[in-house]
Amino acid sequence: MDHVIIQYIIYSYAFTGVVGLFGYVPTMIDLWHGKKSANAPSYLLWTLCGLIGLLYGIFILHDALYNVITFLHLFACAAILIMRVRLPK
């Protein structure tokens, strides 16, 4: 029974991690159209937190699923940050 619960938790984590990425899409679309909808200092902080989380996953946890999900969120935050700072002032 414990194995079934653990598998459910693993699949749920993967699913919610991937679905959570869709939350970044509206901000990316706004930035693509020149709307300054992202707060650069916030995304800088989230990008740095994502980087530290990924390094923790790689060197401490050794958990491939965690690393993939964390990398995807790091990539999304970094992409938004780059898009935001490239907008004219």
N, C-alpha and C. Protein backbone atom coordinates (compact mmCIF):
# COMPACT_ATOMS: atom_id res chain seq x y z
N MET A 1 0.82 -1.20 0.00
CA MET A 1 0.00 0.00 0.00
C MET A 1 0.86 1.27 0.00
N ASP A 2 1.95 1.25 0.77
CA ASP A 2 2.82 2.41 0.81
C ASP A 2 3.42 2.71 -0.56
N HIS A 3 3.72 1.66 -1.31
CA HIS A 3 4.28 1.84 -2.65
C HIS A 3 3.30 2.60 -3.55
N VAL A 4 2.02 2.29 -3.44
CA VAL A 4 1.00 2.96 -4.26
C VAL A 4 0.92 4.44 -3.89
N ILE A 5 0.97 4.74 -2.62
CA ILE A 5 0.91 6.13 -2.17
C ILE A 5 2.14 6.89 -2.64
N ILE A 6 3.30 6.29 -2.54
CA ILE A 6 4.53 6.94 -2.98
C ILE A 6 4.49 7.20 -4.48
N GLN A 7 4.03 6.23 -5.26
CA GLN A 7 3.91 6.42 -6.71
C GLN A 7 2.93 7.54 -7.03
N TYR A 8 1.84 7.61 -6.29
CA TYR A 8 0.86 8.68 -6.50
C TYR A 8 1.50 10.04 -6.23
N ILE A 9 2.27 10.13 -5.16
CA ILE A 9 2.94 11.39 -4.82
C ILE A 9 3.94 11.77 -5.92
N ILE A 10 4.69 10.81 -6.42
CA ILE A 10 5.67 11.07 -7.49
C ILE A 10 4.97 11.60 -8.74
N TYR A 11 3.91 10.93 -9.17
CA TYR A 11 3.20 11.37 -10.37
C TYR A 11 2.52 12.72 -10.15
N SER A 12 2.00 12.94 -8.96
CA SER A 12 1.36 14.22 -8.64
C SER A 12 2.37 15.35 -8.68
N TYR A 13 3.57 15.11 -8.14
CA TYR A 13 4.61 16.14 -8.15
C TYR A 13 5.00 16.48 -9.58
N ALA A 14 5.19 15.48 -10.41
CA ALA A 14 5.55 15.71 -11.80
C ALA A 14 4.44 16.48 -12.52
N PHE A 15 3.21 16.08 -12.31
CA PHE A 15 2.07 16.72 -12.98
C PHE A 15 1.93 18.18 -12.55
N THR A 16 1.94 18.43 -11.25
CA THR A 16 1.77 19.81 -10.79
C THR A 16 2.96 20.68 -11.17
N GLY A 17 4.15 20.10 -11.22
CA GLY A 17 5.31 20.86 -11.64
C GLY A 17 5.23 21.31 -13.08
N VAL A 18 4.78 20.43 -13.94
CA VAL A 18 4.65 20.76 -15.36
C VAL A 18 3.48 21.71 -15.58
N VAL A 19 2.35 21.45 -14.93
CA VAL A 19 1.19 22.32 -15.08
C VAL A 19 1.51 23.72 -14.55
N GLY A 20 2.29 23.79 -13.47
CA GLY A 20 2.67 25.08 -12.92
C GLY A 20 3.43 25.96 -13.90
N LEU A 21 4.11 25.35 -14.84
CA LEU A 21 4.83 26.12 -15.86
C LEU A 21 3.89 26.96 -16.72
N PHE A 22 2.68 26.49 -16.90
CA PHE A 22 1.72 27.24 -17.71
C PHE A 22 1.36 28.57 -17.07
N GLY A 23 1.61 28.70 -15.76
CA GLY A 23 1.36 29.96 -15.09
C GLY A 23 2.28 31.08 -15.56
N TYR A 24 3.42 30.73 -16.13
CA TYR A 24 4.37 31.72 -16.63
C TYR A 24 4.00 32.22 -18.03
N VAL A 25 3.20 31.48 -18.74
CA VAL A 25 2.91 31.81 -20.14
C VAL A 25 2.26 33.18 -20.31
N PRO A 26 1.24 33.55 -19.53
CA PRO A 26 0.65 34.88 -19.73
C PRO A 26 1.66 36.02 -19.56
N THR A 27 2.56 35.89 -18.60
CA THR A 27 3.59 36.92 -18.41
C THR A 27 4.53 36.97 -19.60
N MET A 28 4.91 35.80 -20.11
CA MET A 28 5.78 35.77 -21.29
C MET A 28 5.10 36.40 -22.49
N ILE A 29 3.82 36.15 -22.66
CA ILE A 29 3.08 36.74 -23.78
C ILE A 29 3.01 38.26 -23.63
N ASP A 30 2.71 38.74 -22.42
CA ASP A 30 2.69 40.18 -22.18
C ASP A 30 4.03 40.82 -22.52
N LEU A 31 5.10 40.21 -22.04
CA LEU A 31 6.44 40.75 -22.30
C LEU A 31 6.77 40.72 -23.79
N TRP A 32 6.35 39.67 -24.46
CA TRP A 32 6.60 39.56 -25.91
C TRP A 32 5.94 40.73 -26.65
N HIS A 33 4.79 41.17 -26.13
CA HIS A 33 4.06 42.28 -26.76
C HIS A 33 4.47 43.64 -26.19
N GLY A 34 5.50 43.67 -25.35
CA GLY A 34 6.03 44.93 -24.85
C GLY A 34 5.38 45.45 -23.59
N LYS A 35 4.49 44.69 -22.99
CA LYS A 35 3.83 45.11 -21.75
C LYS A 35 4.72 44.72 -20.57
N LYS A 36 5.04 45.69 -19.74
CA LYS A 36 5.93 45.46 -18.59
C LYS A 36 5.14 44.83 -17.43
N SER A 37 4.78 43.58 -17.58
CA SER A 37 3.93 42.92 -16.59
C SER A 37 4.72 42.13 -15.55
N ALA A 38 6.03 42.12 -15.63
CA ALA A 38 6.85 41.36 -14.69
C ALA A 38 7.73 42.31 -13.89
N ASN A 39 7.85 42.03 -12.63
CA ASN A 39 8.70 42.82 -11.74
C ASN A 39 10.09 42.20 -11.77
N ALA A 40 11.04 42.93 -12.36
CA ALA A 40 12.40 42.40 -12.55
C ALA A 40 13.07 41.97 -11.25
N PRO A 41 13.01 42.77 -10.17
CA PRO A 41 13.66 42.30 -8.94
C PRO A 41 13.05 41.00 -8.39
N SER A 42 11.75 40.84 -8.54
CA SER A 42 11.11 39.60 -8.09
C SER A 42 11.60 38.41 -8.90
N TYR A 43 11.65 38.58 -10.21
CA TYR A 43 12.10 37.47 -11.05
C TYR A 43 13.59 37.21 -10.90
N LEU A 44 14.37 38.23 -10.56
CA LEU A 44 15.78 38.00 -10.25
C LEU A 44 15.89 37.13 -9.01
N LEU A 45 15.11 37.46 -7.98
CA LEU A 45 15.12 36.66 -6.76
C LEU A 45 14.66 35.23 -7.03
N TRP A 46 13.58 35.06 -7.78
CA TRP A 46 13.07 33.72 -8.08
C TRP A 46 14.05 32.93 -8.94
N THR A 47 14.74 33.61 -9.85
CA THR A 47 15.75 32.93 -10.67
C THR A 47 16.90 32.44 -9.79
N LEU A 48 17.37 33.30 -8.89
CA LEU A 48 18.46 32.89 -7.99
C LEU A 48 18.02 31.75 -7.07
N CYS A 49 16.80 31.83 -6.54
CA CYS A 49 16.28 30.74 -5.70
C CYS A 49 16.18 29.45 -6.49
N GLY A 50 15.73 29.55 -7.74
CA GLY A 50 15.66 28.37 -8.59
C GLY A 50 17.02 27.77 -8.86
N LEU A 51 18.01 28.62 -9.07
CA LEU A 51 19.37 28.14 -9.30
C LEU A 51 19.90 27.42 -8.06
N ILE A 52 19.70 28.01 -6.90
CA ILE A 52 20.15 27.37 -5.66
C ILE A 52 19.41 26.06 -5.43
N GLY A 53 18.11 26.05 -5.71
CA GLY A 53 17.34 24.82 -5.58
C GLY A 53 17.83 23.73 -6.52
N LEU A 54 18.18 24.12 -7.74
CA LEU A 54 18.69 23.14 -8.70
C LEU A 54 20.05 22.60 -8.25
N LEU A 55 20.92 23.48 -7.79
CA LEU A 55 22.22 23.02 -7.29
C LEU A 55 22.05 22.08 -6.09
N TYR A 56 21.10 22.40 -5.23
CA TYR A 56 20.81 21.53 -4.08
C TYR A 56 20.33 20.16 -4.57
N GLY A 57 19.48 20.18 -5.58
CA GLY A 57 18.98 18.92 -6.12
C GLY A 57 20.07 18.08 -6.76
N ILE A 58 20.97 18.75 -7.48
CA ILE A 58 22.04 18.03 -8.17
C ILE A 58 23.05 17.46 -7.19
N PHE A 59 23.50 18.27 -6.24
CA PHE A 59 24.61 17.87 -5.38
C PHE A 59 24.19 17.21 -4.07
N ILE A 60 22.97 17.45 -3.61
CA ILE A 60 22.54 16.90 -2.32
C ILE A 60 21.47 15.81 -2.50
N LEU A 61 20.40 16.15 -3.21
CA LEU A 61 19.27 15.22 -3.31
C LEU A 61 19.49 14.08 -4.29
N HIS A 62 20.14 14.37 -5.40
CA HIS A 62 20.34 13.37 -6.46
C HIS A 62 19.00 12.79 -6.92
N ASP A 63 18.03 13.68 -7.11
CA ASP A 63 16.68 13.28 -7.51
C ASP A 63 16.40 13.85 -8.91
N ALA A 64 16.37 12.99 -9.89
CA ALA A 64 16.23 13.43 -11.28
C ALA A 64 14.92 14.18 -11.52
N LEU A 65 13.82 13.69 -10.98
CA LEU A 65 12.53 14.35 -11.19
C LEU A 65 12.54 15.75 -10.60
N TYR A 66 13.02 15.87 -9.39
CA TYR A 66 13.13 17.19 -8.74
C TYR A 66 13.99 18.11 -9.59
N ASN A 67 15.10 17.60 -10.09
CA ASN A 67 16.01 18.42 -10.89
C ASN A 67 15.37 18.89 -12.18
N VAL A 68 14.62 18.04 -12.83
CA VAL A 68 13.96 18.42 -14.09
C VAL A 68 12.92 19.50 -13.83
N ILE A 69 12.07 19.30 -12.84
CA ILE A 69 11.02 20.27 -12.53
C ILE A 69 11.65 21.60 -12.10
N THR A 70 12.67 21.54 -11.26
CA THR A 70 13.33 22.76 -10.79
C THR A 70 14.01 23.48 -11.95
N PHE A 71 14.64 22.73 -12.85
CA PHE A 71 15.28 23.35 -14.02
C PHE A 71 14.25 24.05 -14.89
N LEU A 72 13.10 23.43 -15.12
CA LEU A 72 12.07 24.03 -15.96
C LEU A 72 11.58 25.35 -15.36
N HIS A 73 11.36 25.36 -14.05
CA HIS A 73 10.92 26.60 -13.40
C HIS A 73 12.04 27.65 -13.42
N LEU A 74 13.28 27.23 -13.22
CA LEU A 74 14.41 28.14 -13.31
C LEU A 74 14.49 28.75 -14.71
N PHE A 75 14.36 27.91 -15.72
CA PHE A 75 14.41 28.38 -17.10
C PHE A 75 13.30 29.39 -17.38
N ALA A 76 12.08 29.12 -16.90
CA ALA A 76 10.96 30.03 -17.11
C ALA A 76 11.21 31.37 -16.43
N CYS A 77 11.66 31.34 -15.18
CA CYS A 77 11.95 32.59 -14.46
C CYS A 77 13.06 33.37 -15.14
N ALA A 78 14.12 32.69 -15.55
CA ALA A 78 15.23 33.36 -16.22
C ALA A 78 14.78 33.95 -17.55
N ALA A 79 13.95 33.23 -18.28
CA ALA A 79 13.46 33.73 -19.57
C ALA A 79 12.63 35.00 -19.36
N ILE A 80 11.77 35.00 -18.36
CA ILE A 80 10.96 36.18 -18.06
C ILE A 80 11.85 37.34 -17.64
N LEU A 81 12.84 37.07 -16.81
CA LEU A 81 13.76 38.11 -16.37
C LEU A 81 14.49 38.72 -17.56
N ILE A 82 14.99 37.89 -18.44
CA ILE A 82 15.70 38.39 -19.62
C ILE A 82 14.77 39.20 -20.53
N MET A 83 13.57 38.69 -20.74
CA MET A 83 12.61 39.41 -21.56
C MET A 83 12.29 40.77 -20.93
N ARG A 84 12.16 40.81 -19.61
CA ARG A 84 11.80 42.04 -18.93
C ARG A 84 12.91 43.08 -19.00
N VAL A 85 14.14 42.68 -18.76
CA VAL A 85 15.23 43.66 -18.76
C VAL A 85 15.57 44.14 -20.17
N ARG A 86 15.14 43.41 -21.17
CA ARG A 86 15.41 43.83 -22.55
C ARG A 86 14.38 44.84 -23.06
N LEU A 87 13.29 45.02 -22.31
CA LEU A 87 12.30 46.01 -22.73
C LEU A 87 12.86 47.41 -22.56
N PRO A 88 12.52 48.31 -23.49
CA PRO A 88 12.99 49.71 -23.34
C PRO A 88 12.37 50.34 -22.10
N LYS A 89 13.11 51.27 -21.52
CA LYS A 89 12.62 51.93 -20.28
C LYS A 89 11.60 52.96 -20.57
